[in-house]
Amino acid sequence: MKQVLKYLHLWKKLTSNSFMSVLTTRFNALIFLLGKSLRFIFFLVFLGTLFSKTQLIAQYTALQAMFFYLTYNIVDTTTQLFFREVYRFRPMIVSGDFDLVLVKPINPLFRALAGGADPLDLFMLVPYIGALAYTAHLLRIITITNVSVYMLLLLNGILIAAGFHILVLALAILTTEIDHAIMIYRDLTSMGRVPVEIYRDPLRSILTFVVPVGIMMTFPAKAFLGLLSFRTIAFSCFLGVAFVSVCYRVWKYSLSRYSSASS
């Protein structure tokens, strides 16, 4: 319990520093928020245009597709909120500052993965949650079971996203490259903005079972719509835990191969 409180206190300190750092450049922050908002709106326009020509896409209505897209945005924004430090990890490796992290009495993975939340993503998360709640209300299928299973798989999706970020950190140690890896991750997860049923096999199976983007981004919405069996939900959670375990082992291996700046 003491360790949990210790890391929670540390995270609060790092997050406070991150908030102050971002808010000192208010113009850049406004541009960032504007860009995020425009990207969200443009994809909504795309969905609207798409469904103006047809009533169903892969058996889903426009309102259901909207629910999928909002779920994707919540998972994506939440992971960026908590794991934004990953995007700043490469300079730490190249400059040798990671050596200073290793000698401190904290878990280096915690420092590299969750070194402070990003306030701009927090600002974007509020309207996403509001829009999701309103869309769920319009679907008229809100039950305690649906909401509970949705939240469970949403947490499982964030857990899988954490695994992806841990894998990226491990690759950064082994190759000193992170920008391309994180962009590949972003491109892969963007395929989860819509139900994976629109893709043909084998791509659909790869996105579900090999690179679990489908489980991470679309399964929470499918569970809320009542389209997943209990067995599938249990398998999804098992796969999420197994995926993070494998990524953590890769991280531990990368640490054993790390060469400090002084060596």
C-alpha atoms as a PDB file:
ATOM      1  CA  MET A   1       0.000   0.000   0.000  1.00  0.00           C
ATOM      2  CA  LYS A   2       2.869   2.362   0.793  1.00  0.00           C
ATOM      3  CA  GLN A   3       4.343   1.741  -2.643  1.00  0.00           C
ATOM      4  CA  VAL A   4       1.031   2.577  -4.297  1.00  0.00           C
ATOM      5  CA  LEU A   5       0.727   5.822  -2.350  1.00  0.00           C
ATOM      6  CA  LYS A   6       4.352   6.651  -3.142  1.00  0.00           C
ATOM      7  CA  TYR A   7       3.864   6.293  -6.891  1.00  0.00           C
ATOM      8  CA  LEU A   8       0.519   8.081  -6.770  1.00  0.00           C
ATOM      9  CA  HIS A   9       2.176  11.032  -5.036  1.00  0.00           C
ATOM     10  CA  LEU A  10       5.014  10.978  -7.561  1.00  0.00           C
ATOM     11  CA  TRP A  11       2.562  10.866 -10.462  1.00  0.00           C
ATOM     12  CA  LYS A  12       0.722  13.880  -9.060  1.00  0.00           C
ATOM     13  CA  LYS A  13       3.985  15.814  -8.860  1.00  0.00           C
ATOM     14  CA  LEU A  14       5.000  14.909 -12.401  1.00  0.00           C
ATOM     15  CA  THR A  15       1.519  15.717 -13.694  1.00  0.00           C
ATOM     16  CA  SER A  16       1.555  19.097 -11.962  1.00  0.00           C
ATOM     17  CA  ASN A  17       4.888  19.911 -13.612  1.00  0.00           C
ATOM     18  CA  SER A  18       3.541  18.774 -16.979  1.00  0.00           C
ATOM     19  CA  PHE A  19       0.449  20.967 -16.617  1.00  0.00           C
ATOM     20  CA  MET A  20       2.522  24.034 -15.770  1.00  0.00           C
ATOM     21  CA  SER A  21       4.909  23.362 -18.660  1.00  0.00           C
ATOM     22  CA  VAL A  22       2.137  23.025 -21.240  1.00  0.00           C
ATOM     23  CA  LEU A  23       0.104  25.976 -20.031  1.00  0.00           C
ATOM     24  CA  THR A  24       3.083  28.356 -20.283  1.00  0.00           C
ATOM     25  CA  THR A  25       2.739  28.152 -24.089  1.00  0.00           C
ATOM     26  CA  ARG A  26      -0.968  28.909 -24.387  1.00  0.00           C
ATOM     27  CA  PHE A  27      -0.918  29.704 -28.097  1.00  0.00           C
ATOM     28  CA  ASN A  28       0.620  26.325 -28.919  1.00  0.00           C
ATOM     29  CA  ALA A  29      -1.918  24.669 -26.642  1.00  0.00           C
ATOM     30  CA  LEU A  30      -4.787  26.363 -28.471  1.00  0.00           C
ATOM     31  CA  ILE A  31      -3.415  25.261 -31.838  1.00  0.00           C
ATOM     32  CA  PHE A  32      -3.125  21.695 -30.546  1.00  0.00           C
ATOM     33  CA  LEU A  33      -6.720  21.696 -29.271  1.00  0.00           C
ATOM     34  CA  LEU A  34      -7.940  23.228 -32.514  1.00  0.00           C
ATOM     35  CA  GLY A  35      -6.183  20.547 -34.557  1.00  0.00           C
ATOM     36  CA  LYS A  36      -7.643  17.759 -32.414  1.00  0.00           C
ATOM     37  CA  SER A  37     -11.124  19.250 -32.660  1.00  0.00           C
ATOM     38  CA  LEU A  38     -10.937  19.649 -36.436  1.00  0.00           C
ATOM     39  CA  ARG A  39      -9.755  16.052 -36.897  1.00  0.00           C
ATOM     40  CA  PHE A  40     -12.681  14.839 -34.798  1.00  0.00           C
ATOM     41  CA  ILE A  41     -15.190  16.990 -36.697  1.00  0.00           C
ATOM     42  CA  PHE A  42     -13.859  16.031 -40.140  1.00  0.00           C
ATOM     43  CA  PHE A  43     -14.280  12.329 -39.389  1.00  0.00           C
ATOM     44  CA  LEU A  44     -17.819  12.990 -38.172  1.00  0.00           C
ATOM     45  CA  VAL A  45     -18.502  14.711 -41.490  1.00  0.00           C
ATOM     46  CA  PHE A  46     -17.033  11.681 -43.256  1.00  0.00           C
ATOM     47  CA  LEU A  47     -19.352   9.345 -41.341  1.00  0.00           C
ATOM     48  CA  GLY A  48     -22.326  11.564 -42.091  1.00  0.00           C
ATOM     49  CA  THR A  49     -21.503  11.603 -45.799  1.00  0.00           C
ATOM     50  CA  LEU A  50     -21.015   7.845 -45.794  1.00  0.00           C
ATOM     51  CA  PHE A  51     -24.348   7.098 -44.157  1.00  0.00           C
ATOM     52  CA  SER A  52     -26.170   9.573 -46.381  1.00  0.00           C
ATOM     53  CA  LYS A  53     -25.645   7.057 -49.193  1.00  0.00           C
ATOM     54  CA  THR A  54     -26.531   3.907 -47.252  1.00  0.00           C
ATOM     55  CA  GLN A  55     -28.430   2.957 -44.087  1.00  0.00           C
ATOM     56  CA  LEU A  56     -26.137   0.182 -42.836  1.00  0.00           C
ATOM     57  CA  ILE A  57     -22.425  -0.488 -42.997  1.00  0.00           C
ATOM     58  CA  ALA A  58     -21.349  -3.962 -41.847  1.00  0.00           C
ATOM     59  CA  GLN A  59     -24.754  -4.307 -40.125  1.00  0.00           C
ATOM     60  CA  TYR A  60     -24.300  -1.131 -38.064  1.00  0.00           C
ATOM     61  CA  THR A  61     -26.435   1.996 -38.184  1.00  0.00           C
ATOM     62  CA  ALA A  62     -25.089   5.548 -38.224  1.00  0.00           C
ATOM     63  CA  LEU A  63     -25.774   5.967 -34.498  1.00  0.00           C
ATOM     64  CA  GLN A  64     -23.964   2.737 -33.676  1.00  0.00           C
ATOM     65  CA  ALA A  65     -21.011   3.750 -35.869  1.00  0.00           C
ATOM     66  CA  MET A  66     -20.918   7.040 -33.957  1.00  0.00           C
ATOM     67  CA  PHE A  67     -20.753   5.080 -30.699  1.00  0.00           C
ATOM     68  CA  PHE A  68     -17.807   3.075 -32.042  1.00  0.00           C
ATOM     69  CA  TYR A  69     -16.001   6.249 -33.076  1.00  0.00           C
ATOM     70  CA  LEU A  70     -16.540   7.954 -29.707  1.00  0.00           C
ATOM     71  CA  THR A  71     -15.305   4.838 -27.899  1.00  0.00           C
ATOM     72  CA  TYR A  72     -12.167   4.914 -30.040  1.00  0.00           C
ATOM     73  CA  ASN A  73     -11.589   8.565 -29.144  1.00  0.00           C
ATOM     74  CA  ILE A  74     -11.996   7.894 -25.424  1.00  0.00           C
ATOM     75  CA  VAL A  75      -9.526   4.985 -25.444  1.00  0.00           C
ATOM     76  CA  ASP A  76      -7.064   6.874 -27.651  1.00  0.00           C
ATOM     77  CA  THR A  77      -7.256  10.127 -25.682  1.00  0.00           C
ATOM     78  CA  THR A  78      -7.045   8.390 -22.297  1.00  0.00           C
ATOM     79  CA  THR A  79      -3.904   6.520 -23.306  1.00  0.00           C
ATOM     80  CA  GLN A  80      -2.315   9.725 -24.595  1.00  0.00           C
ATOM     81  CA  LEU A  81      -3.345  11.461 -21.379  1.00  0.00           C
ATOM     82  CA  PHE A  82      -1.516   8.963 -19.178  1.00  0.00           C
ATOM     83  CA  PHE A  83       1.292   7.791 -21.491  1.00  0.00           C
ATOM     84  CA  ARG A  84       2.346  11.026 -23.205  1.00  0.00           C
ATOM     85  CA  GLU A  85       5.841  10.666 -21.694  1.00  0.00           C
ATOM     86  CA  VAL A  86       6.521   7.876 -24.206  1.00  0.00           C
ATOM     87  CA  TYR A  87       6.700  10.504 -26.948  1.00  0.00           C
ATOM     88  CA  ARG A  88       9.544  12.195 -25.066  1.00  0.00           C
ATOM     89  CA  PHE A  89      11.532   9.062 -24.269  1.00  0.00           C
ATOM     90  CA  ARG A  90      13.988   9.047 -27.191  1.00  0.00           C
ATOM     91  CA  PRO A  91      15.833  12.265 -26.144  1.00  0.00           C
ATOM     92  CA  MET A  92      16.209  10.717 -22.694  1.00  0.00           C
ATOM     93  CA  ILE A  93      17.947   7.692 -24.230  1.00  0.00           C
ATOM     94  CA  VAL A  94      20.107   9.619 -26.702  1.00  0.00           C
ATOM     95  CA  SER A  95      21.253  12.242 -24.182  1.00  0.00           C
ATOM     96  CA  GLY A  96      21.960   9.706 -21.452  1.00  0.00           C
ATOM     97  CA  ASP A  97      19.392  11.156 -19.045  1.00  0.00           C
ATOM     98  CA  PHE A  98      17.908   7.674 -18.717  1.00  0.00           C
ATOM     99  CA  ASP A  99      21.013   6.786 -16.683  1.00  0.00           C
ATOM    100  CA  LEU A 100      19.780   9.206 -14.013  1.00  0.00           C
ATOM    101  CA  VAL A 101      16.392   7.503 -13.993  1.00  0.00           C
ATOM    102  CA  LEU A 102      17.951   4.074 -13.452  1.00  0.00           C
ATOM    103  CA  VAL A 103      19.870   5.176 -10.363  1.00  0.00           C
ATOM    104  CA  LYS A 104      16.819   6.683  -8.679  1.00  0.00           C
ATOM    105  CA  PRO A 105      14.681   4.622  -6.251  1.00  0.00           C
ATOM    106  CA  ILE A 106      11.717   4.410  -8.633  1.00  0.00           C
ATOM    107  CA  ASN A 107      10.648   1.914 -11.246  1.00  0.00           C
ATOM    108  CA  PRO A 108      12.167   3.083 -14.569  1.00  0.00           C
ATOM    109  CA  LEU A 109       9.125   1.816 -16.474  1.00  0.00           C
ATOM    110  CA  PHE A 110       6.852   4.026 -14.393  1.00  0.00           C
ATOM    111  CA  ARG A 111       9.015   7.076 -15.124  1.00  0.00           C
ATOM    112  CA  ALA A 112       9.254   6.341 -18.856  1.00  0.00           C
ATOM    113  CA  LEU A 113       5.603   5.363 -19.297  1.00  0.00           C
ATOM    114  CA  ALA A 114       3.634   7.621 -16.953  1.00  0.00           C
ATOM    115  CA  GLY A 115       5.877  10.590 -16.325  1.00  0.00           C
ATOM    116  CA  GLY A 116       3.034  13.075 -16.053  1.00  0.00           C
ATOM    117  CA  ALA A 117      -0.382  13.458 -17.690  1.00  0.00           C
ATOM    118  CA  ASP A 118      -1.072  15.877 -20.540  1.00  0.00           C
ATOM    119  CA  PRO A 119      -3.701  18.541 -19.672  1.00  0.00           C
ATOM    120  CA  LEU A 120      -4.656  19.083 -23.311  1.00  0.00           C
ATOM    121  CA  ASP A 121      -5.835  15.501 -23.644  1.00  0.00           C
ATOM    122  CA  LEU A 122      -7.791  15.937 -20.415  1.00  0.00           C
ATOM    123  CA  PHE A 123      -9.595  18.917 -21.938  1.00  0.00           C
ATOM    124  CA  MET A 124     -10.507  16.860 -25.011  1.00  0.00           C
ATOM    125  CA  LEU A 125     -11.715  13.916 -22.934  1.00  0.00           C
ATOM    126  CA  VAL A 126     -14.570  15.869 -21.334  1.00  0.00           C
ATOM    127  CA  PRO A 127     -16.602  16.534 -24.538  1.00  0.00           C
ATOM    128  CA  TYR A 128     -15.902  12.997 -25.780  1.00  0.00           C
ATOM    129  CA  ILE A 129     -17.444  11.500 -22.637  1.00  0.00           C
ATOM    130  CA  GLY A 130     -20.407  13.861 -22.886  1.00  0.00           C
ATOM    131  CA  ALA A 131     -21.013  12.940 -26.532  1.00  0.00           C
ATOM    132  CA  LEU A 132     -20.670   9.230 -25.723  1.00  0.00           C
ATOM    133  CA  ALA A 133     -23.239   9.459 -22.912  1.00  0.00           C
ATOM    134  CA  TYR A 134     -25.659  11.317 -25.198  1.00  0.00           C
ATOM    135  CA  THR A 135     -25.210   8.771 -28.001  1.00  0.00           C
ATOM    136  CA  ALA A 136     -25.755   5.898 -25.559  1.00  0.00           C
ATOM    137  CA  HIS A 137     -28.964   7.599 -24.439  1.00  0.00           C
ATOM    138  CA  LEU A 138     -30.167   7.812 -28.052  1.00  0.00           C
ATOM    139  CA  LEU A 139     -29.471   4.105 -28.533  1.00  0.00           C
ATOM    140  CA  ARG A 140     -31.938   3.388 -25.669  1.00  0.00           C
ATOM    141  CA  ILE A 141     -30.202   0.212 -24.507  1.00  0.00           C
ATOM    142  CA  ILE A 142     -28.574   1.462 -21.313  1.00  0.00           C
ATOM    143  CA  THR A 143     -28.594  -1.212 -18.598  1.00  0.00           C
ATOM    144  CA  ILE A 144     -26.378  -1.896 -15.600  1.00  0.00           C
ATOM    145  CA  THR A 145     -25.003  -4.992 -17.341  1.00  0.00           C
ATOM    146  CA  ASN A 146     -24.198  -3.162 -20.578  1.00  0.00           C
ATOM    147  CA  VAL A 147     -22.482  -0.291 -18.797  1.00  0.00           C
ATOM    148  CA  SER A 148     -20.510  -2.634 -16.505  1.00  0.00           C
ATOM    149  CA  VAL A 149     -19.250  -4.798 -19.360  1.00  0.00           C
ATOM    150  CA  TYR A 150     -18.474  -1.691 -21.409  1.00  0.00           C
ATOM    151  CA  MET A 151     -16.368  -0.227 -18.597  1.00  0.00           C
ATOM    152  CA  LEU A 152     -14.579  -3.550 -18.086  1.00  0.00           C
ATOM    153  CA  LEU A 153     -13.589  -3.833 -21.733  1.00  0.00           C
ATOM    154  CA  LEU A 154     -12.734  -0.137 -21.849  1.00  0.00           C
ATOM    155  CA  LEU A 155     -10.213  -0.716 -19.051  1.00  0.00           C
ATOM    156  CA  ASN A 156      -8.992  -3.800 -20.896  1.00  0.00           C
ATOM    157  CA  GLY A 157      -8.490  -1.670 -24.005  1.00  0.00           C
ATOM    158  CA  ILE A 158      -6.444   0.862 -22.042  1.00  0.00           C
ATOM    159  CA  LEU A 159      -4.411  -2.037 -20.625  1.00  0.00           C
ATOM    160  CA  ILE A 160      -3.648  -3.274 -24.151  1.00  0.00           C
ATOM    161  CA  ALA A 161      -2.710   0.270 -25.161  1.00  0.00           C
ATOM    162  CA  ALA A 162      -0.305   0.360 -22.203  1.00  0.00           C
ATOM    163  CA  GLY A 163       1.247  -2.836 -23.544  1.00  0.00           C
ATOM    164  CA  PHE A 164       1.791  -1.225 -26.933  1.00  0.00           C
ATOM    165  CA  HIS A 165       3.483   1.771 -25.301  1.00  0.00           C
ATOM    166  CA  ILE A 166       5.703  -0.501 -23.193  1.00  0.00           C
ATOM    167  CA  LEU A 167       6.722  -2.291 -26.381  1.00  0.00           C
ATOM    168  CA  VAL A 168       7.582   1.029 -28.013  1.00  0.00           C
ATOM    169  CA  LEU A 169       9.740   1.977 -25.008  1.00  0.00           C
ATOM    170  CA  ALA A 170      11.567  -1.346 -25.239  1.00  0.00           C
ATOM    171  CA  LEU A 171      12.264  -0.795 -28.931  1.00  0.00           C
ATOM    172  CA  ALA A 172      13.570   2.681 -28.135  1.00  0.00           C
ATOM    173  CA  ILE A 173      16.158   1.189 -25.779  1.00  0.00           C
ATOM    174  CA  LEU A 174      17.193  -1.492 -28.262  1.00  0.00           C
ATOM    175  CA  THR A 175      17.284   0.730 -31.376  1.00  0.00           C
ATOM    176  CA  THR A 176      17.248   4.355 -30.034  1.00  0.00           C
ATOM    177  CA  GLU A 177      14.290   4.840 -32.387  1.00  0.00           C
ATOM    178  CA  ILE A 178      10.791   5.625 -31.184  1.00  0.00           C
ATOM    179  CA  ASP A 179       9.156   8.093 -33.578  1.00  0.00           C
ATOM    180  CA  HIS A 180       8.452   5.574 -36.333  1.00  0.00           C
ATOM    181  CA  ALA A 181       7.276   2.904 -33.899  1.00  0.00           C
ATOM    182  CA  ILE A 182       4.790   5.222 -32.213  1.00  0.00           C
ATOM    183  CA  MET A 183       3.518   6.421 -35.585  1.00  0.00           C
ATOM    184  CA  ILE A 184       2.986   2.815 -36.704  1.00  0.00           C
ATOM    185  CA  TYR A 185       1.037   2.263 -33.488  1.00  0.00           C
ATOM    186  CA  ARG A 186      -1.057   5.370 -34.189  1.00  0.00           C
ATOM    187  CA  ASP A 187      -1.793   4.223 -37.745  1.00  0.00           C
ATOM    188  CA  LEU A 188      -2.797   0.747 -36.586  1.00  0.00           C
ATOM    189  CA  THR A 189      -5.093   1.988 -33.842  1.00  0.00           C
ATOM    190  CA  SER A 190      -6.741   4.481 -36.219  1.00  0.00           C
ATOM    191  CA  MET A 191      -8.158   1.455 -38.026  1.00  0.00           C
ATOM    192  CA  GLY A 192     -10.280   0.920 -34.908  1.00  0.00           C
ATOM    193  CA  ARG A 193     -12.272   4.102 -35.480  1.00  0.00           C
ATOM    194  CA  VAL A 194     -14.829   1.925 -37.245  1.00  0.00           C
ATOM    195  CA  PRO A 195     -16.013  -1.648 -36.535  1.00  0.00           C
ATOM    196  CA  VAL A 196     -13.427  -4.186 -37.713  1.00  0.00           C
ATOM    197  CA  GLU A 197     -16.199  -6.043 -39.557  1.00  0.00           C
ATOM    198  CA  ILE A 198     -15.779  -3.643 -42.457  1.00  0.00           C
ATOM    199  CA  TYR A 199     -12.366  -5.189 -43.184  1.00  0.00           C
ATOM    200  CA  ARG A 200     -11.971  -8.476 -45.001  1.00  0.00           C
ATOM    201  CA  ASP A 201     -10.092 -11.487 -43.711  1.00  0.00           C
ATOM    202  CA  PRO A 202      -7.226 -12.013 -43.039  1.00  0.00           C
ATOM    203  CA  LEU A 203      -6.898  -8.308 -42.099  1.00  0.00           C
ATOM    204  CA  ARG A 204      -9.911  -8.496 -39.794  1.00  0.00           C
ATOM    205  CA  SER A 205      -8.489 -11.499 -37.920  1.00  0.00           C
ATOM    206  CA  ILE A 206      -5.038  -9.882 -37.690  1.00  0.00           C
ATOM    207  CA  LEU A 207      -6.528  -6.708 -36.195  1.00  0.00           C
ATOM    208  CA  THR A 208      -8.468  -8.770 -33.667  1.00  0.00           C
ATOM    209  CA  PHE A 209      -6.125 -11.543 -32.542  1.00  0.00           C
ATOM    210  CA  VAL A 210      -2.569 -10.774 -33.724  1.00  0.00           C
ATOM    211  CA  VAL A 211      -2.455  -7.001 -33.246  1.00  0.00           C
ATOM    212  CA  PRO A 212      -5.397  -6.653 -30.829  1.00  0.00           C
ATOM    213  CA  VAL A 213      -6.630  -3.291 -32.102  1.00  0.00           C
ATOM    214  CA  GLY A 214     -10.138  -4.664 -32.509  1.00  0.00           C
ATOM    215  CA  ILE A 215     -10.257  -5.855 -28.905  1.00  0.00           C
ATOM    216  CA  MET A 216      -8.805  -2.581 -27.699  1.00  0.00           C
ATOM    217  CA  MET A 217     -10.985  -0.161 -29.679  1.00  0.00           C
ATOM    218  CA  THR A 218     -14.157  -1.893 -30.873  1.00  0.00           C
ATOM    219  CA  PHE A 219     -14.948  -4.646 -28.353  1.00  0.00           C
ATOM    220  CA  PRO A 220     -16.162  -2.224 -25.639  1.00  0.00           C
ATOM    221  CA  ALA A 221     -18.757  -0.785 -28.027  1.00  0.00           C
ATOM    222  CA  LYS A 222     -19.758  -4.238 -29.262  1.00  0.00           C
ATOM    223  CA  ALA A 223     -20.223  -5.404 -25.671  1.00  0.00           C
ATOM    224  CA  PHE A 224     -22.418  -2.387 -24.933  1.00  0.00           C
ATOM    225  CA  LEU A 225     -24.554  -3.211 -27.980  1.00  0.00           C
ATOM    226  CA  GLY A 226     -24.934  -6.775 -26.694  1.00  0.00           C
ATOM    227  CA  LEU A 227     -22.992  -8.358 -29.550  1.00  0.00           C
ATOM    228  CA  LEU A 228     -20.402 -10.263 -27.482  1.00  0.00           C
ATOM    229  CA  SER A 229     -20.853 -13.507 -25.597  1.00  0.00           C
ATOM    230  CA  PHE A 230     -19.524 -14.033 -22.069  1.00  0.00           C
ATOM    231  CA  ARG A 231     -16.868 -16.368 -23.450  1.00  0.00           C
ATOM    232  CA  THR A 232     -15.652 -13.693 -25.879  1.00  0.00           C
ATOM    233  CA  ILE A 233     -15.538 -11.085 -23.125  1.00  0.00           C
ATOM    234  CA  ALA A 234     -13.529 -13.405 -20.858  1.00  0.00           C
ATOM    235  CA  PHE A 235     -11.165 -14.257 -23.718  1.00  0.00           C
ATOM    236  CA  SER A 236     -10.663 -10.552 -24.446  1.00  0.00           C
ATOM    237  CA  CYS A 237      -9.648  -9.850 -20.853  1.00  0.00           C
ATOM    238  CA  PHE A 238      -7.325 -12.859 -20.829  1.00  0.00           C
ATOM    239  CA  LEU A 239      -5.714 -11.724 -24.078  1.00  0.00           C
ATOM    240  CA  GLY A 240      -5.255  -8.205 -22.692  1.00  0.00           C
ATOM    241  CA  VAL A 241      -3.431  -9.459 -19.590  1.00  0.00           C
ATOM    242  CA  ALA A 242      -1.333 -11.895 -21.662  1.00  0.00           C
ATOM    243  CA  PHE A 243      -0.393  -9.161 -24.148  1.00  0.00           C
ATOM    244  CA  VAL A 244       0.784  -6.787 -21.425  1.00  0.00           C
ATOM    245  CA  SER A 245       2.758  -9.608 -19.773  1.00  0.00           C
ATOM    246  CA  VAL A 246       4.601 -10.324 -23.025  1.00  0.00           C
ATOM    247  CA  CYS A 247       5.311  -6.617 -23.561  1.00  0.00           C
ATOM    248  CA  TYR A 248       6.658  -6.337 -20.010  1.00  0.00           C
ATOM    249  CA  ARG A 249       9.007  -9.261 -20.621  1.00  0.00           C
ATOM    250  CA  VAL A 250      10.289  -7.507 -23.743  1.00  0.00           C
ATOM    251  CA  TRP A 251      10.851  -4.386 -21.634  1.00  0.00           C
ATOM    252  CA  LYS A 252      12.847  -6.340 -19.051  1.00  0.00           C
ATOM    253  CA  TYR A 253      14.946  -7.851 -21.841  1.00  0.00           C
ATOM    254  CA  SER A 254      15.605  -4.415 -23.341  1.00  0.00           C
ATOM    255  CA  LEU A 255      16.821  -3.145 -19.959  1.00  0.00           C
ATOM    256  CA  SER A 256      19.308  -6.017 -19.799  1.00  0.00           C
ATOM    257  CA  ARG A 257      20.655  -4.896 -23.192  1.00  0.00           C
ATOM    258  CA  TYR A 258      20.811  -1.192 -22.328  1.00  0.00           C
ATOM    259  CA  SER A 259      24.177   0.521 -22.669  1.00  0.00           C
ATOM    260  CA  SER A 260      24.483   3.697 -20.661  1.00  0.00           C
ATOM    261  CA  ALA A 261      25.796   6.927 -22.100  1.00  0.00           C
ATOM    262  CA  SER A 262      29.027   6.516 -20.155  1.00  0.00           C
ATOM    263  CA  SER A 263      29.818   3.023 -21.491  1.00  0.00           C
END
